[in-house]
C-alpha atoms as a PDB file:
ATOM      1  CA  UNK A   1      29.098  39.442  18.421  1.00  0.00           C
ATOM      2  CA  UNK A   2      31.443  40.536  15.725  1.00  0.00           C
ATOM      3  CA  UNK A   3      29.614  41.619  12.188  1.00  0.00           C
ATOM      4  CA  UNK A   4      31.517  39.012  10.310  1.00  0.00           C
ATOM      5  CA  UNK A   5      30.523  36.158  12.767  1.00  0.00           C
ATOM      6  CA  UNK A   6      26.807  37.312  12.503  1.00  0.00           C
ATOM      7  CA  UNK A   7      26.985  37.541   8.707  1.00  0.00           C
ATOM      8  CA  UNK A   8      28.389  33.242   8.960  1.00  0.00           C
ATOM      9  CA  UNK A   9      25.331  32.658  10.968  1.00  0.00           C
ATOM     10  CA  UNK A  10      22.529  34.036   8.994  1.00  0.00           C
ATOM     11  CA  UNK A  11      24.590  32.793   6.149  1.00  0.00           C
ATOM     12  CA  UNK A  12      24.302  29.406   8.018  1.00  0.00           C
ATOM     13  CA  UNK A  13      20.677  29.814   8.782  1.00  0.00           C
ATOM     14  CA  UNK A  14      19.790  30.432   4.928  1.00  0.00           C
ATOM     15  CA  UNK A  15      21.422  27.503   4.153  1.00  0.00           C
ATOM     16  CA  UNK A  16      19.665  25.237   6.587  1.00  0.00           C
ATOM     17  CA  UNK A  17      16.003  26.779   5.590  1.00  0.00           C
ATOM     18  CA  UNK A  18      16.814  26.274   1.927  1.00  0.00           C
ATOM     19  CA  UNK A  19      17.478  22.938   2.474  1.00  0.00           C
ATOM     20  CA  UNK A  20      14.856  21.777   4.612  1.00  0.00           C
ATOM     21  CA  UNK A  21      12.583  23.453   1.771  1.00  0.00           C
ATOM     22  CA  UNK A  22      13.910  21.159  -0.757  1.00  0.00           C
ATOM     23  CA  UNK A  23      13.830  18.157   1.268  1.00  0.00           C
ATOM     24  CA  UNK A  24       9.845  19.250   2.202  1.00  0.00           C
ATOM     25  CA  UNK A  25       8.508  19.971  -1.651  1.00  0.00           C
ATOM     26  CA  UNK A  26      11.079  17.377  -3.442  1.00  0.00           C
ATOM     27  CA  UNK A  27       9.444  14.643  -1.504  1.00  0.00           C
ATOM     28  CA  UNK A  28       5.741  15.509  -0.627  1.00  0.00           C
ATOM     29  CA  UNK A  29       4.771  12.121  -1.065  1.00  0.00           C
ATOM     30  CA  UNK A  30       7.075  10.415   0.749  1.00  0.00           C
ATOM     31  CA  UNK A  31       6.189  12.506   4.104  1.00  0.00           C
ATOM     32  CA  UNK A  32       2.427  11.255   3.581  1.00  0.00           C
ATOM     33  CA  UNK A  33       1.156   7.316   3.729  1.00  0.00           C
ATOM     34  CA  UNK A  34      -2.207   6.029   3.687  1.00  0.00           C
ATOM     35  CA  UNK A  35      -2.520   4.219   6.938  1.00  0.00           C
ATOM     36  CA  UNK A  36      -3.522   1.032   7.259  1.00  0.00           C
ATOM     37  CA  UNK A  37      -7.587   1.726   7.882  1.00  0.00           C
ATOM     38  CA  UNK A  38      -7.703   3.976   4.860  1.00  0.00           C
ATOM     39  CA  UNK A  39      -6.137   1.249   2.939  1.00  0.00           C
ATOM     40  CA  UNK A  40      -8.840  -1.349   4.006  1.00  0.00           C
ATOM     41  CA  UNK A  41     -11.966   1.127   3.501  1.00  0.00           C
ATOM     42  CA  UNK A  42     -10.365   0.899   0.095  1.00  0.00           C
ATOM     43  CA  UNK A  43     -10.474  -2.425   0.026  1.00  0.00           C
ATOM     44  CA  UNK A  44     -14.111  -2.680   0.855  1.00  0.00           C
ATOM     45  CA  UNK A  45     -15.230   0.155  -1.372  1.00  0.00           C
ATOM     46  CA  UNK A  46     -13.551  -1.823  -4.124  1.00  0.00           C
ATOM     47  CA  UNK A  47     -15.321  -5.183  -2.736  1.00  0.00           C
ATOM     48  CA  UNK A  48     -18.073  -4.588  -1.285  1.00  0.00           C
ATOM     49  CA  UNK A  49     -18.724  -8.051   0.060  1.00  0.00           C
ATOM     50  CA  UNK A  50     -15.072  -8.326   1.612  1.00  0.00           C
ATOM     51  CA  UNK A  51     -14.799 -10.662   4.408  1.00  0.00           C
ATOM     52  CA  UNK A  52     -11.242 -11.464   4.542  1.00  0.00           C
ATOM     53  CA  UNK A  53      -7.879  -9.715   3.516  1.00  0.00           C
ATOM     54  CA  UNK A  54      -4.722 -11.773   3.277  1.00  0.00           C
ATOM     55  CA  UNK A  55      -1.261 -10.123   4.403  1.00  0.00           C
ATOM     56  CA  UNK A  56       2.048 -11.388   2.828  1.00  0.00           C
ATOM     57  CA  UNK A  57       4.891  -9.584   4.085  1.00  0.00           C
ATOM     58  CA  UNK A  58       8.349 -11.097   5.525  1.00  0.00           C
ATOM     59  CA  UNK A  59       9.368  -7.515   7.811  1.00  0.00           C
ATOM     60  CA  UNK A  60       6.236  -7.514   9.590  1.00  0.00           C
ATOM     61  CA  UNK A  61       6.569  -6.938  13.640  1.00  0.00           C
ATOM     62  CA  UNK A  62       3.871  -7.916  16.132  1.00  0.00           C
ATOM     63  CA  UNK A  63       2.917  -3.956  16.665  1.00  0.00           C
ATOM     64  CA  UNK A  64       2.311  -3.944  12.912  1.00  0.00           C
ATOM     65  CA  UNK A  65       0.725  -7.144  12.828  1.00  0.00           C
ATOM     66  CA  UNK A  66      -1.784  -5.984  15.600  1.00  0.00           C
ATOM     67  CA  UNK A  67      -2.617  -2.267  13.462  1.00  0.00           C
ATOM     68  CA  UNK A  68      -3.315  -4.797  10.600  1.00  0.00           C
ATOM     69  CA  UNK A  69      -5.564  -7.079  12.430  1.00  0.00           C
ATOM     70  CA  UNK A  70      -7.492  -3.651  14.168  1.00  0.00           C
ATOM     71  CA  UNK A  71      -7.861  -1.760  10.617  1.00  0.00           C
ATOM     72  CA  UNK A  72      -9.321  -4.537   9.491  1.00  0.00           C
ATOM     73  CA  UNK A  73     -11.772  -5.594  12.612  1.00  0.00           C
ATOM     74  CA  UNK A  74     -12.608  -1.658  12.061  1.00  0.00           C
ATOM     75  CA  UNK A  75     -13.863  -2.339   8.462  1.00  0.00           C
ATOM     76  CA  UNK A  76     -15.582  -5.861   9.810  1.00  0.00           C
ATOM     77  CA  UNK A  77     -12.916  -7.142   7.835  1.00  0.00           C
ATOM     78  CA  UNK A  78     -11.014 -10.321   8.999  1.00  0.00           C
ATOM     79  CA  UNK A  79      -7.510 -10.482   8.124  1.00  0.00           C
ATOM     80  CA  UNK A  80      -4.909 -13.367   7.937  1.00  0.00           C
ATOM     81  CA  UNK A  81      -1.031 -12.676   7.933  1.00  0.00           C
ATOM     82  CA  UNK A  82       1.529 -14.621   6.852  1.00  0.00           C
ATOM     83  CA  UNK A  83       4.998 -13.866   6.673  1.00  0.00           C
ATOM     84  CA  UNK A  84       7.297 -15.685   4.587  1.00  0.00           C
ATOM     85  CA  UNK A  85      11.001 -16.223   5.168  1.00  0.00           C
ATOM     86  CA  UNK A  86      12.273 -16.482   2.244  1.00  0.00           C
ATOM     87  CA  UNK A  87      11.050 -15.833  -1.472  1.00  0.00           C
ATOM     88  CA  UNK A  88      10.578 -19.150  -1.915  1.00  0.00           C
ATOM     89  CA  UNK A  89       7.536 -19.069   0.370  1.00  0.00           C
ATOM     90  CA  UNK A  90       5.972 -17.188  -1.214  1.00  0.00           C
ATOM     91  CA  UNK A  91       3.539 -19.025  -3.472  1.00  0.00           C
ATOM     92  CA  UNK A  92       3.253 -21.644  -1.029  1.00  0.00           C
ATOM     93  CA  UNK A  93       1.749 -18.850   2.001  1.00  0.00           C
ATOM     94  CA  UNK A  94       0.028 -17.664  -0.726  1.00  0.00           C
ATOM     95  CA  UNK A  95      -1.824 -20.853  -2.044  1.00  0.00           C
ATOM     96  CA  UNK A  96      -2.156 -21.597   1.716  1.00  0.00           C
ATOM     97  CA  UNK A  97      -4.197 -18.333   2.377  1.00  0.00           C
ATOM     98  CA  UNK A  98      -6.293 -18.289  -0.977  1.00  0.00           C
ATOM     99  CA  UNK A  99      -7.312 -22.415  -0.425  1.00  0.00           C
ATOM    100  CA  UNK A 100      -7.558 -22.891   3.738  1.00  0.00           C
ATOM    101  CA  UNK A 101      -8.387 -19.327   4.526  1.00  0.00           C
ATOM    102  CA  UNK A 102     -10.266 -17.897   1.394  1.00  0.00           C
ATOM    103  CA  UNK A 103      -8.923 -14.930   1.480  1.00  0.00           C
ATOM    104  CA  UNK A 104     -10.474 -12.133  -1.407  1.00  0.00           C
ATOM    105  CA  UNK A 105      -7.789  -9.295  -1.508  1.00  0.00           C
ATOM    106  CA  UNK A 106      -4.176  -9.848  -0.958  1.00  0.00           C
ATOM    107  CA  UNK A 107      -2.279  -7.159   0.567  1.00  0.00           C
ATOM    108  CA  UNK A 108       1.242  -6.136   0.401  1.00  0.00           C
ATOM    109  CA  UNK A 109       1.348  -3.676   3.175  1.00  0.00           C
ATOM    110  CA  UNK A 110       5.393  -3.299   2.569  1.00  0.00           C
ATOM    111  CA  UNK A 111       6.499  -1.545  -0.044  1.00  0.00           C
ATOM    112  CA  UNK A 112      10.161  -2.043   0.889  1.00  0.00           C
ATOM    113  CA  UNK A 113       9.676  -5.935   1.654  1.00  0.00           C
ATOM    114  CA  UNK A 114      12.437  -7.801  -0.210  1.00  0.00           C
ATOM    115  CA  UNK A 115      11.257 -10.972   0.532  1.00  0.00           C
ATOM    116  CA  UNK A 116       7.794 -10.401  -1.009  1.00  0.00           C
ATOM    117  CA  UNK A 117       9.031  -8.025  -3.954  1.00  0.00           C
ATOM    118  CA  UNK A 118      11.115  -9.189  -7.103  1.00  0.00           C
ATOM    119  CA  UNK A 119      10.302 -12.646  -7.907  1.00  0.00           C
ATOM    120  CA  UNK A 120       7.406 -12.798  -5.411  1.00  0.00           C
ATOM    121  CA  UNK A 121       5.747  -9.960  -6.876  1.00  0.00           C
ATOM    122  CA  UNK A 122       5.715 -11.640 -10.262  1.00  0.00           C
ATOM    123  CA  UNK A 123       4.320 -14.743  -9.129  1.00  0.00           C
ATOM    124  CA  UNK A 124       1.360 -12.641  -6.889  1.00  0.00           C
ATOM    125  CA  UNK A 125       0.401 -10.795 -10.056  1.00  0.00           C
ATOM    126  CA  UNK A 126      -0.101 -13.662 -12.349  1.00  0.00           C
ATOM    127  CA  UNK A 127      -1.368 -15.391  -9.420  1.00  0.00           C
ATOM    128  CA  UNK A 128      -3.841 -13.169  -8.219  1.00  0.00           C
ATOM    129  CA  UNK A 129      -5.765 -12.297 -11.142  1.00  0.00           C
ATOM    130  CA  UNK A 130      -6.113 -15.898 -12.161  1.00  0.00           C
ATOM    131  CA  UNK A 131      -7.586 -16.638  -8.909  1.00  0.00           C
ATOM    132  CA  UNK A 132      -9.812 -13.349  -8.597  1.00  0.00           C
ATOM    133  CA  UNK A 133      -8.285 -12.547  -5.964  1.00  0.00           C
ATOM    134  CA  UNK A 134      -7.284  -8.061  -5.900  1.00  0.00           C
ATOM    135  CA  UNK A 135      -3.715  -7.545  -5.253  1.00  0.00           C
ATOM    136  CA  UNK A 136      -3.159  -4.461  -3.367  1.00  0.00           C
ATOM    137  CA  UNK A 137       0.117  -2.754  -3.006  1.00  0.00           C
ATOM    138  CA  UNK A 138       1.737   0.209  -1.771  1.00  0.00           C
ATOM    139  CA  UNK A 139       3.718   0.909  -4.622  1.00  0.00           C
ATOM    140  CA  UNK A 140       1.665   3.084  -7.718  1.00  0.00           C
ATOM    141  CA  UNK A 141       3.623   1.950 -10.534  1.00  0.00           C
ATOM    142  CA  UNK A 142       3.072  -1.545  -9.944  1.00  0.00           C
ATOM    143  CA  UNK A 143      -0.846  -1.424 -10.799  1.00  0.00           C
ATOM    144  CA  UNK A 144       0.048  -0.835 -14.792  1.00  0.00           C
ATOM    145  CA  UNK A 145       2.162  -3.761 -14.251  1.00  0.00           C
ATOM    146  CA  UNK A 146      -0.622  -5.572 -13.351  1.00  0.00           C
ATOM    147  CA  UNK A 147      -1.928  -5.488  -9.816  1.00  0.00           C
ATOM    148  CA  UNK A 148      -5.644  -4.430  -8.527  1.00  0.00           C
ATOM    149  CA  UNK A 149      -5.060  -0.977  -6.830  1.00  0.00           C
ATOM    150  CA  UNK A 150      -2.392   1.035  -4.861  1.00  0.00           C
ATOM    151  CA  UNK A 151      -3.820   3.688  -1.670  1.00  0.00           C
ATOM    152  CA  UNK A 152      -1.770   6.537  -1.469  1.00  0.00           C
ATOM    153  CA  UNK A 153      -1.950   9.730   0.648  1.00  0.00           C
ATOM    154  CA  UNK A 154      -1.179  12.797  -1.999  1.00  0.00           C
ATOM    155  CA  UNK A 155      -1.543  16.296  -0.869  1.00  0.00           C
ATOM    156  CA  UNK A 156      -4.114  15.506   1.943  1.00  0.00           C
ATOM    157  CA  UNK A 157      -6.689  13.433  -0.190  1.00  0.00           C
ATOM    158  CA  UNK A 158      -6.941   9.865  -0.376  1.00  0.00           C
ATOM    159  CA  UNK A 159      -6.116   8.255  -3.870  1.00  0.00           C
ATOM    160  CA  UNK A 160      -6.663   4.967  -5.015  1.00  0.00           C
ATOM    161  CA  UNK A 161      -4.720   3.756  -8.240  1.00  0.00           C
ATOM    162  CA  UNK A 162      -6.730   0.674 -10.207  1.00  0.00           C
ATOM    163  CA  UNK A 163      -5.800  -0.982 -12.956  1.00  0.00           C
ATOM    164  CA  UNK A 164      -9.553  -1.655 -14.559  1.00  0.00           C
ATOM    165  CA  UNK A 165      -8.450  -4.564 -16.588  1.00  0.00           C
ATOM    166  CA  UNK A 166      -7.644  -6.485 -13.175  1.00  0.00           C
ATOM    167  CA  UNK A 167     -10.901  -4.797 -11.661  1.00  0.00           C
ATOM    168  CA  UNK A 168     -13.349  -6.190 -13.927  1.00  0.00           C
ATOM    169  CA  UNK A 169     -11.324  -9.711 -13.415  1.00  0.00           C
ATOM    170  CA  UNK A 170     -11.372  -9.915 -10.187  1.00  0.00           C
ATOM    171  CA  UNK A 171     -15.016  -8.163  -9.365  1.00  0.00           C
ATOM    172  CA  UNK A 172     -14.172  -5.314  -7.936  1.00  0.00           C
ATOM    173  CA  UNK A 173     -16.450  -1.901  -8.925  1.00  0.00           C
ATOM    174  CA  UNK A 174     -14.413   1.328  -9.233  1.00  0.00           C
ATOM    175  CA  UNK A 175     -16.768   3.782  -7.894  1.00  0.00           C
ATOM    176  CA  UNK A 176     -17.649   7.047  -9.972  1.00  0.00           C
ATOM    177  CA  UNK A 177     -16.644  10.609  -8.919  1.00  0.00           C
ATOM    178  CA  UNK A 178     -17.559  12.477  -5.620  1.00  0.00           C
ATOM    179  CA  UNK A 179     -16.626  11.030  -2.174  1.00  0.00           C
ATOM    180  CA  UNK A 180     -13.637  11.873   0.136  1.00  0.00           C
ATOM    181  CA  UNK A 181     -11.873   9.273  -1.853  1.00  0.00           C
ATOM    182  CA  UNK A 182     -10.359  10.005  -5.897  1.00  0.00           C
ATOM    183  CA  UNK A 183     -10.119   6.689  -7.616  1.00  0.00           C
ATOM    184  CA  UNK A 184      -7.924   6.835 -10.484  1.00  0.00           C
ATOM    185  CA  UNK A 185      -8.787   4.118 -13.090  1.00  0.00           C
ATOM    186  CA  UNK A 186      -5.574   2.858 -15.818  1.00  0.00           C
END
């Protein structure tokens, strides 16, 4: 191998290494996501009497539905799933979950779900609080906008962002310091 080619190979290797580090350090939270089981466990901590969680998601496939159901069962919680086809169905499906299935929490497990996000999330933020139902999402920025909580896995630690005002309205209790879960009240 010629000297010029060795230098070229080293340069490319360095560039790839730097690029990989930039990706890893620029997006550490994206690489980590709280599991469905962890999210249900947090809901159960916030509402100790939790028995039924409703899920609204237009993007769920069969495997995700099974995973959500298993996560609930492992915590002694029934998970009821509704799949809106478009944003117009979000309100009616939420009311059906509330009135027929008697949900105590509503969970939006997919931050990229265009069917539920947008107008649907605005409707849900307003109505879940009025109905005494906690709204749990994956986007932590929505907590300050009126949802109950967002469960994150940051640097290997479970962090739960909770809206204090909404917690008091829906009867959720924010635990104190200690334990394996860090609750951040906003």
